[in-house]
C-alpha atoms as a PDB file:
ATOM      1  CA  UNK A   1     102.448  91.910 -16.257  1.00  0.00           C
ATOM      2  CA  UNK A   2     104.688  93.750 -13.830  1.00  0.00           C
ATOM      3  CA  UNK A   3     107.790  95.268 -15.332  1.00  0.00           C
ATOM      4  CA  UNK A   4     110.516  95.048 -12.683  1.00  0.00           C
ATOM      5  CA  UNK A   5     112.889  97.438 -14.444  1.00  0.00           C
ATOM      6  CA  UNK A   6     110.154 100.078 -14.697  1.00  0.00           C
ATOM      7  CA  UNK A   7     109.310  99.708 -11.006  1.00  0.00           C
ATOM      8  CA  UNK A   8     112.985  99.995 -10.046  1.00  0.00           C
ATOM      9  CA  UNK A   9     113.355 103.171 -12.092  1.00  0.00           C
ATOM     10  CA  UNK A  10     110.226 104.675 -10.527  1.00  0.00           C
ATOM     11  CA  UNK A  11     111.509 103.796  -7.064  1.00  0.00           C
ATOM     12  CA  UNK A  12     114.858 105.349  -7.918  1.00  0.00           C
ATOM     13  CA  UNK A  13     113.161 108.586  -8.993  1.00  0.00           C
ATOM     14  CA  UNK A  14     111.069 108.707  -5.830  1.00  0.00           C
ATOM     15  CA  UNK A  15     114.173 107.984  -3.730  1.00  0.00           C
ATOM     16  CA  UNK A  16     116.101 110.883  -5.265  1.00  0.00           C
ATOM     17  CA  UNK A  17     113.074 113.176  -4.899  1.00  0.00           C
ATOM     18  CA  UNK A  18     112.956 112.339  -1.210  1.00  0.00           C
ATOM     19  CA  UNK A  19     116.721 112.636  -0.856  1.00  0.00           C
ATOM     20  CA  UNK A  20     116.834 116.056  -2.540  1.00  0.00           C
ATOM     21  CA  UNK A  21     114.017 117.369  -0.333  1.00  0.00           C
ATOM     22  CA  UNK A  22     115.433 116.096   2.928  1.00  0.00           C
ATOM     23  CA  UNK A  23     119.166 116.606   2.477  1.00  0.00           C
ATOM     24  CA  UNK A  24     121.341 119.385   3.838  1.00  0.00           C
ATOM     25  CA  UNK A  25     121.491 122.470   1.627  1.00  0.00           C
ATOM     26  CA  UNK A  26     125.170 121.767   0.991  1.00  0.00           C
ATOM     27  CA  UNK A  27     124.231 118.586  -0.935  1.00  0.00           C
ATOM     28  CA  UNK A  28     121.151 119.857  -2.786  1.00  0.00           C
ATOM     29  CA  UNK A  29     122.912 120.402  -6.091  1.00  0.00           C
ATOM     30  CA  UNK A  30     124.397 116.896  -6.204  1.00  0.00           C
ATOM     31  CA  UNK A  31     121.173 115.164  -5.223  1.00  0.00           C
ATOM     32  CA  UNK A  32     119.202 117.225  -7.736  1.00  0.00           C
ATOM     33  CA  UNK A  33     121.622 116.170 -10.496  1.00  0.00           C
ATOM     34  CA  UNK A  34     121.064 112.526  -9.530  1.00  0.00           C
ATOM     35  CA  UNK A  35     117.310 113.133  -9.609  1.00  0.00           C
ATOM     36  CA  UNK A  36     117.554 114.543 -13.133  1.00  0.00           C
ATOM     37  CA  UNK A  37     119.592 111.514 -14.235  1.00  0.00           C
ATOM     38  CA  UNK A  38     117.032 109.107 -12.760  1.00  0.00           C
ATOM     39  CA  UNK A  39     114.155 110.957 -14.434  1.00  0.00           C
ATOM     40  CA  UNK A  40     115.970 110.878 -17.758  1.00  0.00           C
ATOM     41  CA  UNK A  41     116.612 107.134 -17.464  1.00  0.00           C
ATOM     42  CA  UNK A  42     112.919 106.546 -16.664  1.00  0.00           C
ATOM     43  CA  UNK A  43     111.841 108.719 -19.580  1.00  0.00           C
ATOM     44  CA  UNK A  44     114.113 106.883 -22.018  1.00  0.00           C
ATOM     45  CA  UNK A  45     112.981 103.475 -20.764  1.00  0.00           C
ATOM     46  CA  UNK A  46     109.312 104.403 -21.102  1.00  0.00           C
ATOM     47  CA  UNK A  47     109.867 105.827 -24.590  1.00  0.00           C
ATOM     48  CA  UNK A  48     111.641 102.653 -25.699  1.00  0.00           C
ATOM     49  CA  UNK A  49     109.401  99.992 -24.130  1.00  0.00           C
ATOM     50  CA  UNK A  50     106.033 101.768 -23.904  1.00  0.00           C
ATOM     51  CA  UNK A  51     105.757 104.010 -26.980  1.00  0.00           C
ATOM     52  CA  UNK A  52     101.965 103.846 -27.168  1.00  0.00           C
ATOM     53  CA  UNK A  53     101.369 105.402 -23.753  1.00  0.00           C
ATOM     54  CA  UNK A  54     101.515 109.207 -23.673  1.00  0.00           C
ATOM     55  CA  UNK A  55     104.163 110.885 -21.566  1.00  0.00           C
ATOM     56  CA  UNK A  56     101.586 113.133 -19.962  1.00  0.00           C
ATOM     57  CA  UNK A  57      98.000 112.181 -19.207  1.00  0.00           C
ATOM     58  CA  UNK A  58      95.386 113.480 -21.594  1.00  0.00           C
ATOM     59  CA  UNK A  59      93.312 116.260 -20.156  1.00  0.00           C
ATOM     60  CA  UNK A  60      89.568 116.287 -20.568  1.00  0.00           C
ATOM     61  CA  UNK A  61      87.855 119.305 -22.018  1.00  0.00           C
ATOM     62  CA  UNK A  62      86.848 121.799 -19.373  1.00  0.00           C
ATOM     63  CA  UNK A  63      83.195 122.705 -19.050  1.00  0.00           C
ATOM     64  CA  UNK A  64      82.373 126.316 -19.851  1.00  0.00           C
ATOM     65  CA  UNK A  65      82.124 128.516 -16.803  1.00  0.00           C
ATOM     66  CA  UNK A  66      78.604 129.248 -15.611  1.00  0.00           C
ATOM     67  CA  UNK A  67      78.087 131.813 -12.894  1.00  0.00           C
ATOM     68  CA  UNK A  68      76.166 130.702  -9.827  1.00  0.00           C
ATOM     69  CA  UNK A  69      73.679 133.569 -10.302  1.00  0.00           C
ATOM     70  CA  UNK A  70      72.746 132.317 -13.773  1.00  0.00           C
ATOM     71  CA  UNK A  71      72.534 128.720 -12.622  1.00  0.00           C
ATOM     72  CA  UNK A  72      70.312 129.390  -9.604  1.00  0.00           C
ATOM     73  CA  UNK A  73      68.112 131.883 -11.435  1.00  0.00           C
ATOM     74  CA  UNK A  74      66.184 129.009 -13.008  1.00  0.00           C
ATOM     75  CA  UNK A  75      65.085 127.870  -9.550  1.00  0.00           C
ATOM     76  CA  UNK A  76      64.224 131.361  -8.331  1.00  0.00           C
ATOM     77  CA  UNK A  77      61.938 132.059 -11.287  1.00  0.00           C
ATOM     78  CA  UNK A  78      60.367 128.612 -11.254  1.00  0.00           C
ATOM     79  CA  UNK A  79      57.030 129.766  -9.908  1.00  0.00           C
END
């Protein structure tokens, strides 16, 4: 199911992001304030209508670092 309100809010956020990046430096403060308002409206809408989805994506556990020397040593000493 496509949520039209959610799509409109996302488009509004992307519009203000574009507008704040491409506007004259005289208008940066105003466009940035509008961007913050749009982000806040999107955040509130998502919290109200989609409470089960996390705000930020879950990160997977990182694999422990293994130096290339230790990894390739198995192949060098294979004989």
